[in-house]
Amino acid sequence: MKIKLTNKQLETTNKQVIRIGYCGAQYLLRGLNAYAYNKGVYGWNWDAYDIGGGVCVCTGYRNLTGARVKYDDLEEEAENAIAEYWAHLSDKSAEERANKKIAELRAELINRALA
């Protein structure tokens, strides 16, 4: 269940917040559930995903908070890992390899955010 947070609450409860536009990191965030959200007079603004290490990703349409971190190359690698998984569905270890690769990419995103 998601909790409603303000931008200030999100920033004070995490070491670092990364801002990413809506669907900008759909492959990097694969398998994670949002733990917080924000809404305003125009409806839903953003969701927050905990990616570990005290870092969270704030992704949505408006009122985003956090630092901008270069992630496009990581998202592309995550997309390739998922494509590889879909190409080899009969291979039982394909999903495990894709999940491991995405975990490594998230760790790199954390390193970039904390640097």
C-alpha atoms as a PDB file:
ATOM      1  CA  MET A   1       0.000   0.000   0.000  1.00  0.00           C
ATOM      2  CA  LYS A   2       1.366   3.408  -0.983  1.00  0.00           C
ATOM      3  CA  ILE A   3       1.511   6.320   1.415  1.00  0.00           C
ATOM      4  CA  LYS A   4       0.909   9.921   0.441  1.00  0.00           C
ATOM      5  CA  LEU A   5       3.978  12.137   0.888  1.00  0.00           C
ATOM      6  CA  THR A   6       4.882  15.719   0.194  1.00  0.00           C
ATOM      7  CA  ASN A   7       8.066  16.620  -1.659  1.00  0.00           C
ATOM      8  CA  LYS A   8       9.693  17.734   1.578  1.00  0.00           C
ATOM      9  CA  GLN A   9       8.784  14.484   3.349  1.00  0.00           C
ATOM     10  CA  LEU A  10      10.238  12.468   0.472  1.00  0.00           C
ATOM     11  CA  GLU A  11      13.483  14.449   0.525  1.00  0.00           C
ATOM     12  CA  THR A  12      13.935  14.200   4.300  1.00  0.00           C
ATOM     13  CA  THR A  13      13.308  10.437   4.467  1.00  0.00           C
ATOM     14  CA  ASN A  14      15.926   9.515   1.831  1.00  0.00           C
ATOM     15  CA  LYS A  15      19.649  10.161   1.407  1.00  0.00           C
ATOM     16  CA  GLN A  16      19.067  11.030  -2.230  1.00  0.00           C
ATOM     17  CA  VAL A  17      16.052  11.393  -4.495  1.00  0.00           C
ATOM     18  CA  ILE A  18      16.432  10.966  -8.254  1.00  0.00           C
ATOM     19  CA  ARG A  19      13.876  12.636 -10.503  1.00  0.00           C
ATOM     20  CA  ILE A  20      12.892  10.839 -13.687  1.00  0.00           C
ATOM     21  CA  GLY A  21      10.003  11.710 -15.981  1.00  0.00           C
ATOM     22  CA  TYR A  22       7.002   9.448 -16.411  1.00  0.00           C
ATOM     23  CA  CYS A  23       7.991   6.056 -17.918  1.00  0.00           C
ATOM     24  CA  GLY A  24      11.591   7.235 -18.208  1.00  0.00           C
ATOM     25  CA  ALA A  25      12.890   4.279 -16.209  1.00  0.00           C
ATOM     26  CA  GLN A  26      10.283   1.593 -16.742  1.00  0.00           C
ATOM     27  CA  TYR A  27      12.886  -1.129 -17.281  1.00  0.00           C
ATOM     28  CA  LEU A  28      15.162  -0.073 -14.424  1.00  0.00           C
ATOM     29  CA  LEU A  29      12.177  -0.086 -12.061  1.00  0.00           C
ATOM     30  CA  ARG A  30      10.856  -3.429 -13.305  1.00  0.00           C
ATOM     31  CA  GLY A  31       9.636  -5.590 -10.447  1.00  0.00           C
ATOM     32  CA  LEU A  32       9.531  -2.762  -7.900  1.00  0.00           C
ATOM     33  CA  ASN A  33       6.369  -1.363  -6.370  1.00  0.00           C
ATOM     34  CA  ALA A  34       5.957   2.292  -5.549  1.00  0.00           C
ATOM     35  CA  TYR A  35       5.889   2.919  -1.827  1.00  0.00           C
ATOM     36  CA  ALA A  36       4.725   6.546  -1.929  1.00  0.00           C
ATOM     37  CA  TYR A  37       2.797   8.928  -4.155  1.00  0.00           C
ATOM     38  CA  ASN A  38       1.819  12.564  -4.393  1.00  0.00           C
ATOM     39  CA  LYS A  39      -1.283  14.175  -5.791  1.00  0.00           C
ATOM     40  CA  GLY A  40      -2.549  17.709  -6.158  1.00  0.00           C
ATOM     41  CA  VAL A  41      -5.484  19.646  -7.518  1.00  0.00           C
ATOM     42  CA  TYR A  42      -4.888  18.218 -11.010  1.00  0.00           C
ATOM     43  CA  GLY A  43      -4.648  14.612  -9.814  1.00  0.00           C
ATOM     44  CA  TRP A  44      -1.691  12.258  -9.537  1.00  0.00           C
ATOM     45  CA  ASN A  45       1.749  13.893  -9.638  1.00  0.00           C
ATOM     46  CA  TRP A  46       4.386  11.220  -8.958  1.00  0.00           C
ATOM     47  CA  ASP A  47       5.271   7.858  -7.432  1.00  0.00           C
ATOM     48  CA  ALA A  48       8.387   7.065  -5.406  1.00  0.00           C
ATOM     49  CA  TYR A  49      10.324   3.789  -5.700  1.00  0.00           C
ATOM     50  CA  ASP A  50      12.934   2.695  -3.157  1.00  0.00           C
ATOM     51  CA  ILE A  51      15.912   1.295  -5.080  1.00  0.00           C
ATOM     52  CA  GLY A  52      18.100   0.684  -2.035  1.00  0.00           C
ATOM     53  CA  GLY A  53      21.007   2.401  -0.354  1.00  0.00           C
ATOM     54  CA  GLY A  54      18.798   5.226   0.898  1.00  0.00           C
ATOM     55  CA  VAL A  55      18.069   6.290  -2.675  1.00  0.00           C
ATOM     56  CA  CYS A  56      14.634   6.545  -4.228  1.00  0.00           C
ATOM     57  CA  VAL A  57      13.371   7.373  -7.693  1.00  0.00           C
ATOM     58  CA  CYS A  58      10.612   9.959  -8.043  1.00  0.00           C
ATOM     59  CA  THR A  59       8.847   9.467 -11.370  1.00  0.00           C
ATOM     60  CA  GLY A  60       5.726  11.117 -12.690  1.00  0.00           C
ATOM     61  CA  TYR A  61       4.198  14.042 -14.551  1.00  0.00           C
ATOM     62  CA  ARG A  62       4.416  17.109 -12.311  1.00  0.00           C
ATOM     63  CA  ASN A  63       5.827  18.492  -9.115  1.00  0.00           C
ATOM     64  CA  LEU A  64       8.834  16.123  -9.234  1.00  0.00           C
ATOM     65  CA  THR A  65      11.530  16.520  -6.648  1.00  0.00           C
ATOM     66  CA  GLY A  66      15.117  15.337  -6.538  1.00  0.00           C
ATOM     67  CA  ALA A  67      18.344  15.509  -8.456  1.00  0.00           C
ATOM     68  CA  ARG A  68      18.764  14.824 -12.137  1.00  0.00           C
ATOM     69  CA  VAL A  69      21.084  11.879 -12.692  1.00  0.00           C
ATOM     70  CA  LYS A  70      22.242  10.531 -16.057  1.00  0.00           C
ATOM     71  CA  TYR A  71      20.394   7.234 -16.419  1.00  0.00           C
ATOM     72  CA  ASP A  72      19.582   6.875 -20.141  1.00  0.00           C
ATOM     73  CA  ASP A  73      22.426   4.429 -20.799  1.00  0.00           C
ATOM     74  CA  LEU A  74      21.381   2.304 -17.813  1.00  0.00           C
ATOM     75  CA  GLU A  75      17.756   2.263 -18.964  1.00  0.00           C
ATOM     76  CA  GLU A  76      18.870   1.154 -22.426  1.00  0.00           C
ATOM     77  CA  GLU A  77      20.920  -1.711 -20.949  1.00  0.00           C
ATOM     78  CA  ALA A  78      17.956  -2.743 -18.784  1.00  0.00           C
ATOM     79  CA  GLU A  79      15.713  -2.729 -21.874  1.00  0.00           C
ATOM     80  CA  ASN A  80      18.232  -4.945 -23.677  1.00  0.00           C
ATOM     81  CA  ALA A  81      18.289  -7.350 -20.715  1.00  0.00           C
ATOM     82  CA  ILE A  82      14.494  -7.636 -20.832  1.00  0.00           C
ATOM     83  CA  ALA A  83      14.548  -8.112 -24.606  1.00  0.00           C
ATOM     84  CA  GLU A  84      17.106 -10.894 -24.152  1.00  0.00           C
ATOM     85  CA  TYR A  85      14.838 -12.498 -21.558  1.00  0.00           C
ATOM     86  CA  TRP A  86      11.832 -12.382 -23.902  1.00  0.00           C
ATOM     87  CA  ALA A  87      13.915 -13.819 -26.738  1.00  0.00           C
ATOM     88  CA  HIS A  88      14.864 -16.835 -24.616  1.00  0.00           C
ATOM     89  CA  LEU A  89      11.694 -17.623 -22.663  1.00  0.00           C
ATOM     90  CA  SER A  90      12.334 -21.359 -22.904  1.00  0.00           C
ATOM     91  CA  ASP A  91      15.628 -20.926 -21.042  1.00  0.00           C
ATOM     92  CA  LYS A  92      14.813 -21.157 -17.330  1.00  0.00           C
ATOM     93  CA  SER A  93      17.785 -19.047 -16.297  1.00  0.00           C
ATOM     94  CA  ALA A  94      16.969 -16.162 -18.685  1.00  0.00           C
ATOM     95  CA  GLU A  95      14.764 -14.371 -16.164  1.00  0.00           C
ATOM     96  CA  GLU A  96      17.360 -14.811 -13.434  1.00  0.00           C
ATOM     97  CA  ARG A  97      20.054 -13.314 -15.681  1.00  0.00           C
ATOM     98  CA  ALA A  98      17.787 -10.366 -16.587  1.00  0.00           C
ATOM     99  CA  ASN A  99      16.955  -9.688 -12.934  1.00  0.00           C
ATOM    100  CA  LYS A 100      20.626  -9.884 -11.970  1.00  0.00           C
ATOM    101  CA  LYS A 101      21.579  -7.442 -14.733  1.00  0.00           C
ATOM    102  CA  ILE A 102      18.842  -5.001 -13.688  1.00  0.00           C
ATOM    103  CA  ALA A 103      19.998  -5.216 -10.053  1.00  0.00           C
ATOM    104  CA  GLU A 104      23.538  -4.355 -11.187  1.00  0.00           C
ATOM    105  CA  LEU A 105      22.224  -1.401 -13.200  1.00  0.00           C
ATOM    106  CA  ARG A 106      20.245  -0.134 -10.200  1.00  0.00           C
ATOM    107  CA  ALA A 107      23.418  -0.373  -8.104  1.00  0.00           C
ATOM    108  CA  GLU A 108      25.206   1.772 -10.698  1.00  0.00           C
ATOM    109  CA  LEU A 109      22.324   4.286 -10.576  1.00  0.00           C
ATOM    110  CA  ILE A 110      22.691   4.425  -6.782  1.00  0.00           C
ATOM    111  CA  ASN A 111      26.441   5.040  -7.149  1.00  0.00           C
ATOM    112  CA  ARG A 112      25.806   7.859  -9.603  1.00  0.00           C
ATOM    113  CA  ALA A 113      23.217   9.428  -7.315  1.00  0.00           C
ATOM    114  CA  LEU A 114      25.455   9.348  -4.258  1.00  0.00           C
ATOM    115  CA  ALA A 115      28.590  10.559  -6.085  1.00  0.00           C
END
